[in-house]
Amino acid sequence: MTTLTAPPTPAHTPRTRPFEWHAPTGSFTAQPLPHTPPGLDSTDLPALSRTLLRHAEQAGAARPGVVGAVPFRPGAAPHLRPVDLAAPVAALSIPALPVPTLKRAVSVPDAAGFEALVAAAVQTLRAGRLDKVVLGRLLDLHLHAAPDPDAVLARLRAAHPAAYAFALPLPDDTTLIGASPELLLRRAGRDVHLRPMAGTRPRPADPAADPADDAARAHALLHSAKDRAEHALMVQAIADRLAPLCRTLSVPRTPELASTATLWHLATPIHAQLRDDSSGVLDLVPLIHPTPAVCGVPTGAAQAYLEAAEPFDRGWFGGAVGWADEYGDGEWAVTIRCAELRGTHARLFAGAGLVADSDPTGERQETAAKFGTVLAALGFTLADLPDALLEAL
């Protein structure tokens, strides 16, 4: 997908924040079309997308499309909006981001509470009731000044150029923003690509200054029996869901290393060719989502466990975000390394995949490292975090 541009919007035209998408395959910004039709609370993702695509076509869109997000919880209503993918608005200017000053930071659960939840989950895993489960945490930051989403997104893009960076306006003046390293799926005709991830190690604070330590951490992850087992569970579950629709399905036998500025991951690139053209990208998303990378194995049992164990509703966190066009093509990423921004409040999410030999302290440290992606984009210096923030992590 190529980078799209458009003439500047006239100064007298009121404009809401556009959807922004920046991926290795291309970037665009798109303004939701006016006069959005009723029925946006539908939980039927494929049917809703078809309705919105028809609306975009009737509104005169040169390239009808939909953009939005799917929540973590299956059956919950997605947030989709019709757009014209051929005529997006020009990108907003990027203002400087002031150094943030923190009023308070609250993690849900707190550090000790999260470790206790991990310990309880490990007992369930060892009893054989689950093979894997992904526990999440929230980090609520209350700041003295509101961060600008454009500046935050610019920092995310600069620090993570290979990520799927996004900014999606939500109701109540909230922006869902992030830089996900994980492609949920991309469809182009009958070709489907996925790159699920599971297994993580933090990189050194300055990988370039200590390449030997960085390489040692990557090697340890690639040869970790615990992480390889967790990863294999995820890949097999995804392949099993996708296989009935595919003429061919290529799944490498071993994972590869994938890096961000702050983390190493295990990833497996999966390529499939569909049997026919009947399944568009938004028919496939609910088939694959939620993957074991954000939920667990078996899926139903893991979902039930998380409903009871996590002391919050994930909402959009751990869901999917992306776009689709009138031909059923599109690209969706897993909604991780992300935050919701609303005024002076920033809510961050991170999760850790647990198996029977997971260590509570290590898993908490993994979530703290994952929070670092958005903390740095907000302007915090990870090597010198405020004491109140360190205590919350």
Protein backbone atom coordinates (compact mmCIF):
# COMPACT_ATOMS: atom_id res chain seq x y z
CA MET A 1 0.00 0.00 0.00
CA THR A 2 1.50 3.32 -1.05
CA THR A 3 1.66 6.51 0.96
CA LEU A 4 -1.38 8.65 0.27
CA THR A 5 -1.50 12.44 0.22
CA ALA A 6 -4.19 15.06 -0.26
CA PRO A 7 -4.51 18.83 -0.58
CA PRO A 8 -4.65 20.76 2.70
CA THR A 9 -8.10 21.16 4.17
CA PRO A 10 -9.40 24.75 3.81
CA ALA A 11 -8.91 26.80 6.95
CA HIS A 12 -12.64 27.45 7.39
CA THR A 13 -13.58 23.75 7.36
CA PRO A 14 -13.95 22.25 10.85
CA ARG A 15 -12.05 19.02 11.14
CA THR A 16 -12.05 16.21 13.64
CA ARG A 17 -8.95 14.17 14.26
CA PRO A 18 -8.36 11.70 11.41
CA PHE A 19 -7.45 8.04 11.63
CA GLU A 20 -3.73 7.57 11.03
CA TRP A 21 -2.03 4.35 9.95
CA HIS A 22 1.70 3.92 9.46
CA ALA A 23 2.91 0.43 8.54
CA PRO A 24 5.83 -1.18 6.72
CA THR A 25 3.48 -1.51 3.73
CA GLY A 26 2.51 2.19 3.61
CA SER A 27 0.94 5.10 5.46
CA PHE A 28 -2.23 7.13 5.20
CA THR A 29 -4.54 9.42 7.10
CA ALA A 30 -8.30 9.30 6.55
CA GLN A 31 -11.19 11.38 7.80
CA PRO A 32 -14.45 9.56 8.63
CA LEU A 33 -17.15 10.43 6.10
CA PRO A 34 -20.03 12.68 7.26
CA HIS A 35 -23.55 11.45 7.92
CA THR A 36 -22.49 8.09 9.30
CA PRO A 37 -25.41 5.62 9.12
CA PRO A 38 -27.18 4.16 12.15
CA GLY A 39 -26.47 0.69 13.51
CA LEU A 40 -22.84 1.27 14.50
CA ASP A 41 -23.40 -0.67 17.73
CA SER A 42 -23.73 -3.91 15.78
CA THR A 43 -21.52 -6.73 17.04
CA ASP A 44 -21.50 -8.48 13.63
CA LEU A 45 -18.16 -7.28 12.30
CA PRO A 46 -18.46 -8.56 8.69
CA ALA A 47 -22.06 -7.32 8.30
CA LEU A 48 -21.25 -3.92 9.81
CA SER A 49 -18.26 -3.49 7.53
CA ARG A 50 -20.37 -4.26 4.45
CA THR A 51 -22.96 -1.69 5.55
CA LEU A 52 -20.31 0.97 6.03
CA LEU A 53 -18.62 0.18 2.73
CA ARG A 54 -21.96 0.64 0.93
CA HIS A 55 -22.40 3.95 2.75
CA ALA A 56 -18.93 5.08 1.65
CA GLU A 57 -19.72 4.13 -1.95
CA GLN A 58 -23.05 5.99 -1.87
CA ALA A 59 -21.29 9.03 -0.39
CA GLY A 60 -19.13 9.16 -3.50
CA ALA A 61 -15.90 7.73 -2.10
CA ALA A 62 -13.40 7.00 -4.86
CA ARG A 63 -12.02 4.12 -2.82
CA PRO A 64 -14.56 3.06 -0.17
CA GLY A 65 -13.04 1.80 3.04
CA VAL A 66 -13.55 1.32 6.75
CA VAL A 67 -11.14 1.98 9.61
CA GLY A 68 -11.41 1.24 13.28
CA ALA A 69 -10.82 -1.14 16.15
CA VAL A 70 -12.14 -4.43 17.46
CA PRO A 71 -12.24 -4.88 21.26
CA PHE A 72 -10.54 -7.74 23.08
CA ARG A 73 -13.76 -9.37 24.20
CA PRO A 74 -15.48 -11.43 21.49
CA GLY A 75 -19.07 -10.32 20.96
CA ALA A 76 -18.43 -6.72 22.01
CA ALA A 77 -19.24 -4.02 19.44
CA PRO A 78 -16.37 -2.83 17.24
CA HIS A 79 -15.66 0.83 16.51
CA LEU A 80 -15.74 1.17 12.69
CA ARG A 81 -16.12 4.26 10.53
CA PRO A 82 -16.50 4.66 6.73
CA VAL A 83 -13.74 6.56 4.91
CA ASP A 84 -12.47 7.35 1.44
CA LEU A 85 -9.07 5.66 1.24
CA ALA A 86 -8.24 7.51 -2.00
CA ALA A 87 -8.64 11.01 -0.59
CA PRO A 88 -7.41 11.20 2.99
CA VAL A 89 -6.85 14.52 4.72
CA ALA A 90 -3.35 15.94 4.93
CA ALA A 91 -1.35 14.93 7.99
CA LEU A 92 -1.60 17.34 10.90
CA SER A 93 1.48 19.31 11.89
CA ILE A 94 3.63 17.79 14.61
CA PRO A 95 4.08 20.13 17.57
CA ALA A 96 6.90 19.77 20.06
CA LEU A 97 6.12 17.57 23.04
CA PRO A 98 6.96 19.15 26.41
CA VAL A 99 8.68 17.10 29.09
CA PRO A 100 5.81 15.53 31.05
CA THR A 101 5.26 16.21 34.71
CA LEU A 102 3.44 13.54 36.65
CA LYS A 103 0.69 14.14 39.19
CA ARG A 104 0.30 10.48 40.06
CA ALA A 105 0.63 7.01 38.59
CA VAL A 106 -1.59 4.06 39.47
CA SER A 107 -1.22 0.52 38.18
CA VAL A 108 -4.17 -1.89 38.15
CA PRO A 109 -3.37 -4.22 39.74
CA ASP A 110 -0.36 -2.84 41.58
CA ALA A 111 3.01 -4.58 41.33
CA ALA A 112 2.42 -6.91 44.28
CA GLY A 113 -1.13 -7.62 43.18
CA PHE A 114 0.00 -8.54 39.67
CA GLU A 115 2.63 -10.93 40.99
CA ALA A 116 -0.04 -12.55 43.16
CA LEU A 117 -2.29 -12.97 40.12
CA VAL A 118 0.58 -14.55 38.21
CA ALA A 119 1.27 -16.97 41.06
CA ALA A 120 -2.39 -17.99 41.17
CA ALA A 121 -2.48 -18.43 37.40
CA VAL A 122 0.63 -20.62 37.50
CA GLN A 123 -1.11 -22.95 39.93
CA THR A 124 -4.05 -23.23 37.51
CA LEU A 125 -1.63 -23.93 34.65
CA ARG A 126 0.22 -26.59 36.63
CA ALA A 127 -3.08 -28.24 37.46
CA GLY A 128 -3.65 -28.67 33.72
CA ARG A 129 -6.78 -26.52 33.47
CA LEU A 130 -5.04 -24.16 31.01
CA ASP A 131 -2.02 -24.46 28.74
CA LYS A 132 -1.39 -20.72 28.55
CA VAL A 133 -3.02 -17.50 29.74
CA VAL A 134 -2.09 -13.84 29.14
CA LEU A 135 -2.58 -11.59 32.17
CA GLY A 136 -2.78 -7.85 31.61
CA ARG A 137 -2.10 -4.70 33.62
CA LEU A 138 -3.19 -1.09 33.28
CA LEU A 139 -1.03 1.92 34.08
CA ASP A 140 -3.01 5.13 34.67
CA LEU A 141 -0.98 8.32 34.39
CA HIS A 142 -2.42 11.63 35.54
CA LEU A 143 -0.33 14.46 34.07
CA HIS A 144 -0.21 18.21 34.65
CA ALA A 145 -0.54 18.92 30.92
CA ALA A 146 -2.37 17.01 28.19
CA PRO A 147 -0.04 15.18 25.78
CA ASP A 148 -0.69 15.94 22.11
CA PRO A 149 -1.58 12.74 20.20
CA ASP A 150 0.20 13.95 17.06
CA ALA A 151 3.46 14.46 18.92
CA VAL A 152 3.12 11.11 20.72
CA LEU A 153 2.46 9.33 17.42
CA ALA A 154 5.45 11.05 15.82
CA ARG A 155 7.70 9.76 18.60
CA LEU A 156 6.29 6.26 18.30
CA ARG A 157 6.92 6.27 14.54
CA ALA A 158 10.46 7.58 14.94
CA ALA A 159 11.41 5.03 17.60
CA HIS A 160 9.62 2.07 15.99
CA PRO A 161 9.75 2.49 12.19
CA ALA A 162 8.94 -1.19 11.54
CA ALA A 163 5.85 -1.16 13.77
CA TYR A 164 2.17 -0.68 12.93
CA ALA A 165 1.68 2.81 14.35
CA PHE A 166 -1.85 4.14 14.65
CA ALA A 167 -4.02 6.89 16.10
CA LEU A 168 -7.76 6.26 16.15
CA PRO A 169 -10.25 8.84 17.46
CA LEU A 170 -12.78 7.30 19.83
CA PRO A 171 -15.88 8.81 21.45
CA ASP A 172 -15.51 11.20 24.40
CA ASP A 173 -12.43 12.92 22.93
CA THR A 174 -10.30 9.82 23.49
CA THR A 175 -7.54 8.71 21.12
CA LEU A 176 -6.38 5.11 20.91
CA ILE A 177 -2.70 5.32 20.00
CA GLY A 178 0.17 2.90 19.76
CA ALA A 179 2.96 1.21 17.82
CA SER A 180 2.18 -2.49 17.63
CA PRO A 181 4.98 -4.84 16.59
CA GLU A 182 2.47 -7.59 15.78
CA LEU A 183 0.60 -8.06 12.51
CA LEU A 184 -2.68 -9.85 13.16
CA LEU A 185 -3.34 -10.38 9.47
CA ARG A 186 -3.05 -8.77 6.06
CA ARG A 187 -5.19 -9.83 3.09
CA ALA A 188 -4.38 -8.96 -0.53
CA GLY A 189 -6.63 -10.96 -2.84
CA ARG A 190 -6.34 -14.59 -1.79
CA ASP A 191 -2.96 -14.08 -0.11
CA VAL A 192 -3.02 -13.79 3.67
CA HIS A 193 -0.03 -12.94 5.87
CA LEU A 194 0.21 -13.12 9.66
CA ARG A 195 3.14 -12.62 12.04
CA PRO A 196 2.08 -13.66 15.54
CA MET A 197 4.42 -13.04 18.45
CA ALA A 198 4.88 -14.67 21.84
CA GLY A 199 8.00 -14.72 24.00
CA THR A 200 9.72 -11.50 25.08
CA ARG A 201 12.99 -10.24 26.55
CA PRO A 202 13.86 -6.61 27.36
CA ARG A 203 16.82 -5.15 25.50
CA PRO A 204 19.53 -3.11 27.26
CA ALA A 205 18.78 0.55 27.81
CA ASP A 206 21.22 1.35 24.97
CA PRO A 207 21.63 -1.73 22.75
CA ALA A 208 24.24 -0.02 20.58
CA ALA A 209 26.42 0.69 23.60
CA ASP A 210 26.33 -2.94 24.77
CA PRO A 211 25.88 -5.16 21.70
CA ALA A 212 27.24 -8.24 23.46
CA ASP A 213 24.59 -8.06 26.19
CA ASP A 214 21.90 -7.37 23.58
CA ALA A 215 22.95 -10.40 21.52
CA ALA A 216 23.08 -12.58 24.65
CA ARG A 217 19.51 -11.64 25.56
CA ALA A 218 18.31 -12.41 22.04
CA HIS A 219 20.13 -15.77 22.09
CA ALA A 220 18.62 -16.63 25.49
CA LEU A 221 15.12 -15.91 24.20
CA LEU A 222 15.56 -17.89 20.99
CA HIS A 223 16.77 -20.92 22.97
CA SER A 224 14.38 -20.62 25.93
CA ALA A 225 12.36 -23.83 26.30
CA LYS A 226 9.64 -21.95 28.19
CA ASP A 227 9.25 -19.26 25.53
CA ARG A 228 9.48 -21.72 22.64
CA ALA A 229 6.74 -23.85 24.17
CA GLU A 230 4.51 -20.81 24.73
CA HIS A 231 5.13 -19.69 21.16
CA ALA A 232 4.38 -23.10 19.68
CA LEU A 233 0.99 -23.23 21.42
CA MET A 234 0.05 -19.92 19.84
CA VAL A 235 1.18 -20.81 16.32
CA GLN A 236 -0.61 -24.16 16.32
CA ALA A 237 -3.86 -22.59 17.54
CA ILE A 238 -3.79 -19.95 14.79
CA ALA A 239 -2.94 -22.48 12.08
CA ASP A 240 -5.80 -24.73 13.21
CA ARG A 241 -8.30 -21.87 12.91
CA LEU A 242 -7.09 -20.74 9.51
CA ALA A 243 -6.51 -24.11 7.80
CA PRO A 244 -10.13 -24.91 6.78
CA LEU A 245 -10.27 -21.77 4.60
CA CYS A 246 -6.91 -22.26 2.92
CA ARG A 247 -5.68 -23.92 -0.26
CA THR A 248 -2.11 -23.65 1.04
CA LEU A 249 -0.77 -22.79 4.49
CA SER A 250 2.93 -22.22 5.13
CA VAL A 251 4.04 -22.27 8.78
CA PRO A 252 7.79 -22.35 9.58
CA ARG A 253 8.82 -25.04 12.05
CA THR A 254 10.84 -22.65 14.22
CA PRO A 255 10.30 -18.99 15.19
CA GLU A 256 12.51 -16.07 14.29
CA LEU A 257 13.75 -13.15 16.37
CA ALA A 258 12.03 -9.79 15.98
CA SER A 259 13.21 -6.62 17.70
CA THR A 260 11.80 -3.27 18.68
CA ALA A 261 13.80 -0.44 20.18
CA THR A 262 13.27 -1.87 23.67
CA LEU A 263 12.31 -5.55 23.33
CA TRP A 264 13.15 -8.85 21.66
CA HIS A 265 10.27 -11.09 20.56
CA LEU A 266 9.80 -14.52 19.04
CA ALA A 267 7.76 -14.28 15.84
CA THR A 268 6.53 -16.70 13.18
CA PRO A 269 5.64 -15.40 9.69
CA ILE A 270 2.65 -17.35 8.35
CA HIS A 271 1.53 -17.23 4.72
CA ALA A 272 -1.73 -18.68 3.44
CA GLN A 273 -3.63 -18.73 0.18
CA LEU A 274 -7.40 -18.80 0.54
CA ARG A 275 -9.51 -21.36 -1.30
CA ASP A 276 -11.71 -18.62 -2.76
CA ASP A 277 -12.49 -14.90 -2.56
CA SER A 278 -15.47 -15.18 -0.21
CA SER A 279 -13.57 -14.37 3.02
CA GLY A 280 -12.57 -10.73 3.31
CA VAL A 281 -10.16 -9.41 5.90
CA LEU A 282 -13.02 -8.57 8.29
CA ASP A 283 -14.39 -12.10 7.92
CA LEU A 284 -10.98 -13.42 8.96
CA VAL A 285 -10.34 -11.08 11.91
CA PRO A 286 -13.03 -12.63 14.17
CA LEU A 287 -11.83 -16.09 13.12
CA ILE A 288 -8.28 -15.39 14.33
CA HIS A 289 -8.93 -12.92 17.16
CA PRO A 290 -8.25 -13.16 20.04
CA THR A 291 -5.06 -15.08 19.40
CA PRO A 292 -3.24 -16.96 22.16
CA ALA A 293 -0.72 -14.08 22.13
CA VAL A 294 -3.25 -11.87 23.97
CA CYS A 295 -5.62 -14.45 25.47
CA GLY A 296 -4.43 -18.02 26.02
CA VAL A 297 -4.97 -21.70 25.22
CA PRO A 298 -7.61 -23.13 25.10
CA THR A 299 -9.24 -19.86 24.04
CA GLY A 300 -12.61 -20.30 25.74
CA ALA A 301 -11.15 -21.42 29.06
CA ALA A 302 -8.56 -18.64 28.98
CA GLN A 303 -11.23 -16.01 28.28
CA ALA A 304 -13.31 -17.27 31.20
CA TYR A 305 -10.26 -17.20 33.47
CA LEU A 306 -9.38 -13.62 32.50
CA GLU A 307 -12.97 -12.46 33.03
CA ALA A 308 -12.71 -13.67 36.62
CA ALA A 309 -9.08 -12.77 37.35
CA GLU A 310 -8.34 -9.40 35.76
CA PRO A 311 -9.67 -6.49 37.87
CA PHE A 312 -10.59 -4.37 34.84
CA ASP A 313 -12.25 -4.51 31.45
CA ARG A 314 -9.62 -4.49 28.68
CA GLY A 315 -11.90 -2.69 26.25
CA TRP A 316 -9.84 -1.97 23.11
CA PHE A 317 -6.58 -3.17 24.64
CA GLY A 318 -5.52 -6.55 23.29
CA GLY A 319 -7.98 -6.18 20.41
CA ALA A 320 -7.23 -5.32 16.79
CA VAL A 321 -6.91 -2.06 14.86
CA GLY A 322 -6.66 -1.40 11.13
CA TRP A 323 -8.48 -0.87 7.83
CA ALA A 324 -10.34 -2.67 5.05
CA ASP A 325 -11.39 -1.76 1.51
CA GLU A 326 -14.30 -2.66 -0.75
CA TYR A 327 -12.48 -5.70 -2.16
CA GLY A 328 -12.04 -7.33 1.24
CA ASP A 329 -8.35 -6.45 1.40
CA GLY A 330 -6.85 -4.75 4.43
CA GLU A 331 -4.37 -4.84 7.27
CA TRP A 332 -4.97 -5.30 11.00
CA ALA A 333 -2.53 -5.25 13.90
CA VAL A 334 -2.90 -6.49 17.46
CA THR A 335 -3.67 -3.54 19.76
CA ILE A 336 -0.63 -3.70 22.02
CA ARG A 337 2.13 -1.23 22.99
CA CYS A 338 -0.67 1.26 23.16
CA ALA A 339 -2.57 3.75 25.29
CA GLU A 340 -5.79 5.70 25.47
CA LEU A 341 -5.21 9.45 25.71
CA ARG A 342 -7.91 11.77 27.01
CA GLY A 343 -6.94 15.21 28.20
CA THR A 344 -4.38 14.93 30.98
CA HIS A 345 -5.07 11.22 31.50
CA ALA A 346 -3.12 8.45 29.75
CA ARG A 347 -4.07 4.79 30.25
CA LEU A 348 -1.48 2.25 29.14
CA PHE A 349 -1.84 -1.53 28.77
CA ALA A 350 0.67 -4.38 28.87
CA GLY A 351 0.33 -8.14 29.19
CA ALA A 352 2.47 -11.19 29.88
CA GLY A 353 1.96 -14.70 28.53
CA LEU A 354 2.05 -17.30 31.31
CA VAL A 355 2.81 -21.00 31.17
CA ALA A 356 3.35 -23.51 33.96
CA ASP A 357 6.93 -22.44 34.79
CA SER A 358 6.39 -18.66 34.65
CA ASP A 359 8.01 -16.57 37.38
CA PRO A 360 5.82 -13.83 38.95
CA THR A 361 8.62 -11.28 39.32
CA GLY A 362 9.91 -11.91 35.81
CA GLU A 363 6.44 -11.54 34.30
CA ARG A 364 5.84 -8.26 36.14
CA GLN A 365 9.18 -6.97 34.86
CA GLU A 366 8.14 -7.96 31.34
CA THR A 367 4.99 -5.83 31.59
CA ALA A 368 7.05 -2.91 32.92
CA ALA A 369 9.35 -3.19 29.89
CA LYS A 370 6.35 -3.20 27.55
CA PHE A 371 4.95 -0.04 29.16
CA GLY A 372 8.24 1.57 28.17
CA THR A 373 7.20 1.92 24.51
CA VAL A 374 4.48 4.46 25.26
CA LEU A 375 6.21 5.99 28.29
CA ALA A 376 9.10 7.01 26.06
CA ALA A 377 6.70 8.41 23.45
CA LEU A 378 5.04 10.50 26.15
CA GLY A 379 8.43 12.05 26.84
CA PHE A 380 9.57 10.14 29.91
CA THR A 381 13.24 9.17 30.10
CA LEU A 382 13.23 5.45 30.81
CA ALA A 383 16.58 5.57 32.58
CA ASP A 384 15.34 8.28 34.96
CA LEU A 385 11.64 7.71 35.66
CA PRO A 386 9.89 9.61 38.49
CA ASP A 387 9.79 7.71 41.78
CA ALA A 388 5.98 7.57 41.74
CA LEU A 389 6.10 5.89 38.33
CA LEU A 390 8.83 3.45 39.32
CA GLU A 391 6.75 2.38 42.33
CA ALA A 392 3.74 1.73 40.10
CA LEU A 393 5.75 -0.49 37.76
